[in-house]
Amino acid sequence: MIKRKQTFAGRDKTHTFPFDRIFVGSNQQEIFNEISQLVQSAIDGYKVCIFAYGQTGSGKTFTMEGDPERGNEFIGIIPRSVTKIFNVTEDLKRKGWNFEI
């Protein structure tokens, strides 16, 4: 839980914001390991949403997209997820499943 005090028109209000997980100082692989089961759920047919929230410049785009030009460890959540989806579908095709993406 995060509590934040805000002042509007001279009045103080405190809001509580619940989060499932907050990543502080994590690398791209650690974050992907945490959400990879959500990707599997999407493959299994469930609706999934990953929401990146934070201040401007806090790393949301970097976390989601990454910077692969800097090396594999900097690949973001989206390219890692797409790779996982295609790897799983190729494995399933080898097992006799037929489908199209």
C-alpha atoms as a PDB file:
ATOM      1  CA  MET A   1       0.000   0.000   0.000  1.00  0.00           C
ATOM      2  CA  ILE A   2       1.158   3.477  -0.818  1.00  0.00           C
ATOM      3  CA  LYS A   3      -0.277   6.449   1.006  1.00  0.00           C
ATOM      4  CA  ARG A   4      -0.019   9.846  -0.579  1.00  0.00           C
ATOM      5  CA  LYS A   5      -1.100  13.160   0.859  1.00  0.00           C
ATOM      6  CA  GLN A   6      -2.442  15.703  -1.596  1.00  0.00           C
ATOM      7  CA  THR A   7      -3.517  19.272  -1.040  1.00  0.00           C
ATOM      8  CA  PHE A   8      -6.231  20.807  -3.195  1.00  0.00           C
ATOM      9  CA  ALA A   9      -7.673  24.253  -2.580  1.00  0.00           C
ATOM     10  CA  GLY A  10      -6.113  24.358   0.873  1.00  0.00           C
ATOM     11  CA  ARG A  11      -7.581  21.009   1.950  1.00  0.00           C
ATOM     12  CA  ASP A  12      -5.443  17.981   2.724  1.00  0.00           C
ATOM     13  CA  LYS A  13      -6.568  14.563   1.574  1.00  0.00           C
ATOM     14  CA  THR A  14      -4.793  11.258   2.015  1.00  0.00           C
ATOM     15  CA  HIS A  15      -5.305   8.550  -0.567  1.00  0.00           C
ATOM     16  CA  THR A  16      -4.269   4.921  -0.317  1.00  0.00           C
ATOM     17  CA  PHE A  17      -3.214   3.132  -3.481  1.00  0.00           C
ATOM     18  CA  PRO A  18      -2.902  -0.681  -3.414  1.00  0.00           C
ATOM     19  CA  PHE A  19      -0.473  -2.418  -5.792  1.00  0.00           C
ATOM     20  CA  ASP A  20       0.156  -6.107  -6.396  1.00  0.00           C
ATOM     21  CA  ARG A  21       3.875  -5.484  -6.760  1.00  0.00           C
ATOM     22  CA  ILE A  22       6.285  -2.566  -6.895  1.00  0.00           C
ATOM     23  CA  PHE A  23       9.623  -3.132  -8.615  1.00  0.00           C
ATOM     24  CA  VAL A  24      12.470  -1.100  -7.158  1.00  0.00           C
ATOM     25  CA  GLY A  25      15.985  -1.719  -8.433  1.00  0.00           C
ATOM     26  CA  SER A  26      14.918  -4.787 -10.433  1.00  0.00           C
ATOM     27  CA  ASN A  27      16.414  -5.716 -13.775  1.00  0.00           C
ATOM     28  CA  GLN A  28      14.444  -6.629 -16.904  1.00  0.00           C
ATOM     29  CA  GLN A  29      14.800 -10.385 -16.389  1.00  0.00           C
ATOM     30  CA  GLU A  30      13.547 -10.225 -12.784  1.00  0.00           C
ATOM     31  CA  ILE A  31      10.503  -8.249 -13.875  1.00  0.00           C
ATOM     32  CA  PHE A  32       9.783 -10.616 -16.754  1.00  0.00           C
ATOM     33  CA  ASN A  33      10.125 -13.635 -14.459  1.00  0.00           C
ATOM     34  CA  GLU A  34       7.457 -12.068 -12.245  1.00  0.00           C
ATOM     35  CA  ILE A  35       4.975 -11.446 -15.065  1.00  0.00           C
ATOM     36  CA  SER A  36       5.755 -14.407 -17.347  1.00  0.00           C
ATOM     37  CA  GLN A  37       2.855 -16.430 -15.934  1.00  0.00           C
ATOM     38  CA  LEU A  38       0.541 -13.627 -17.081  1.00  0.00           C
ATOM     39  CA  VAL A  39       1.899 -14.152 -20.589  1.00  0.00           C
ATOM     40  CA  GLN A  40       1.166 -17.869 -20.226  1.00  0.00           C
ATOM     41  CA  SER A  41      -2.371 -17.007 -19.104  1.00  0.00           C
ATOM     42  CA  ALA A  42      -2.812 -14.919 -22.283  1.00  0.00           C
ATOM     43  CA  ILE A  43      -1.592 -17.890 -24.344  1.00  0.00           C
ATOM     44  CA  ASP A  44      -4.128 -20.048 -22.499  1.00  0.00           C
ATOM     45  CA  GLY A  45      -6.896 -17.672 -23.626  1.00  0.00           C
ATOM     46  CA  TYR A  46      -7.363 -15.425 -20.605  1.00  0.00           C
ATOM     47  CA  LYS A  47      -7.523 -11.654 -20.821  1.00  0.00           C
ATOM     48  CA  VAL A  48      -4.438 -10.067 -19.292  1.00  0.00           C
ATOM     49  CA  CYS A  49      -3.383  -6.491 -18.618  1.00  0.00           C
ATOM     50  CA  ILE A  50       0.003  -5.299 -17.410  1.00  0.00           C
ATOM     51  CA  PHE A  51      -0.150  -1.703 -16.238  1.00  0.00           C
ATOM     52  CA  ALA A  52       3.005   0.371 -15.853  1.00  0.00           C
ATOM     53  CA  TYR A  53       2.456   3.368 -13.602  1.00  0.00           C
ATOM     54  CA  GLY A  54       4.832   6.041 -12.416  1.00  0.00           C
ATOM     55  CA  GLN A  55       6.145   9.541 -12.742  1.00  0.00           C
ATOM     56  CA  THR A  56       7.549  10.907 -15.971  1.00  0.00           C
ATOM     57  CA  GLY A  57      11.060   9.574 -16.400  1.00  0.00           C
ATOM     58  CA  SER A  58      10.648   6.741 -13.894  1.00  0.00           C
ATOM     59  CA  GLY A  59      11.311   3.988 -16.460  1.00  0.00           C
ATOM     60  CA  LYS A  60       7.900   2.780 -17.637  1.00  0.00           C
ATOM     61  CA  THR A  61       8.774   2.818 -21.339  1.00  0.00           C
ATOM     62  CA  PHE A  62      12.204   1.330 -20.678  1.00  0.00           C
ATOM     63  CA  THR A  63      10.642  -1.478 -18.646  1.00  0.00           C
ATOM     64  CA  MET A  64       8.031  -2.234 -21.289  1.00  0.00           C
ATOM     65  CA  GLU A  65      10.142  -1.789 -24.445  1.00  0.00           C
ATOM     66  CA  GLY A  66      13.722  -1.957 -23.219  1.00  0.00           C
ATOM     67  CA  ASP A  67      16.831  -1.024 -25.172  1.00  0.00           C
ATOM     68  CA  PRO A  68      18.043  -4.167 -26.975  1.00  0.00           C
ATOM     69  CA  GLU A  69      20.878  -2.244 -28.624  1.00  0.00           C
ATOM     70  CA  ARG A  70      22.529  -2.193 -25.183  1.00  0.00           C
ATOM     71  CA  GLY A  71      22.418  -5.994 -24.930  1.00  0.00           C
ATOM     72  CA  ASN A  72      20.035  -8.860 -24.203  1.00  0.00           C
ATOM     73  CA  GLU A  73      19.743  -7.978 -20.522  1.00  0.00           C
ATOM     74  CA  PHE A  74      18.068  -4.702 -21.546  1.00  0.00           C
ATOM     75  CA  ILE A  75      15.283  -6.280 -23.624  1.00  0.00           C
ATOM     76  CA  GLY A  76      11.933  -5.144 -22.228  1.00  0.00           C
ATOM     77  CA  ILE A  77       8.722  -6.875 -21.192  1.00  0.00           C
ATOM     78  CA  ILE A  78       6.962  -6.548 -24.559  1.00  0.00           C
ATOM     79  CA  PRO A  79       9.670  -8.142 -26.746  1.00  0.00           C
ATOM     80  CA  ARG A  80      10.270 -10.851 -24.127  1.00  0.00           C
ATOM     81  CA  SER A  81       6.526 -11.589 -24.049  1.00  0.00           C
ATOM     82  CA  VAL A  82       6.245 -11.768 -27.834  1.00  0.00           C
ATOM     83  CA  THR A  83       9.259 -14.111 -27.942  1.00  0.00           C
ATOM     84  CA  LYS A  84       7.644 -16.334 -25.290  1.00  0.00           C
ATOM     85  CA  ILE A  85       4.358 -16.420 -27.227  1.00  0.00           C
ATOM     86  CA  PHE A  86       6.046 -17.477 -30.467  1.00  0.00           C
ATOM     87  CA  ASN A  87       8.292 -20.013 -28.696  1.00  0.00           C
ATOM     88  CA  VAL A  88       5.294 -21.631 -26.996  1.00  0.00           C
ATOM     89  CA  THR A  89       3.281 -21.693 -30.218  1.00  0.00           C
ATOM     90  CA  GLU A  90       6.178 -23.335 -32.080  1.00  0.00           C
ATOM     91  CA  ASP A  91       6.436 -25.961 -29.323  1.00  0.00           C
ATOM     92  CA  LEU A  92       2.705 -26.624 -29.574  1.00  0.00           C
ATOM     93  CA  LYS A  93       2.891 -26.937 -33.371  1.00  0.00           C
ATOM     94  CA  ARG A  94       5.597 -29.602 -32.955  1.00  0.00           C
ATOM     95  CA  LYS A  95       3.159 -31.439 -30.680  1.00  0.00           C
ATOM     96  CA  GLY A  96       0.480 -31.423 -33.386  1.00  0.00           C
ATOM     97  CA  TRP A  97      -1.539 -28.324 -32.514  1.00  0.00           C
ATOM     98  CA  ASN A  98      -2.863 -26.305 -35.453  1.00  0.00           C
ATOM     99  CA  PHE A  99      -3.590 -22.619 -35.138  1.00  0.00           C
ATOM    100  CA  GLU A 100      -2.703 -19.246 -36.613  1.00  0.00           C
ATOM    101  CA  ILE A 101      -1.599 -15.973 -35.088  1.00  0.00           C
END
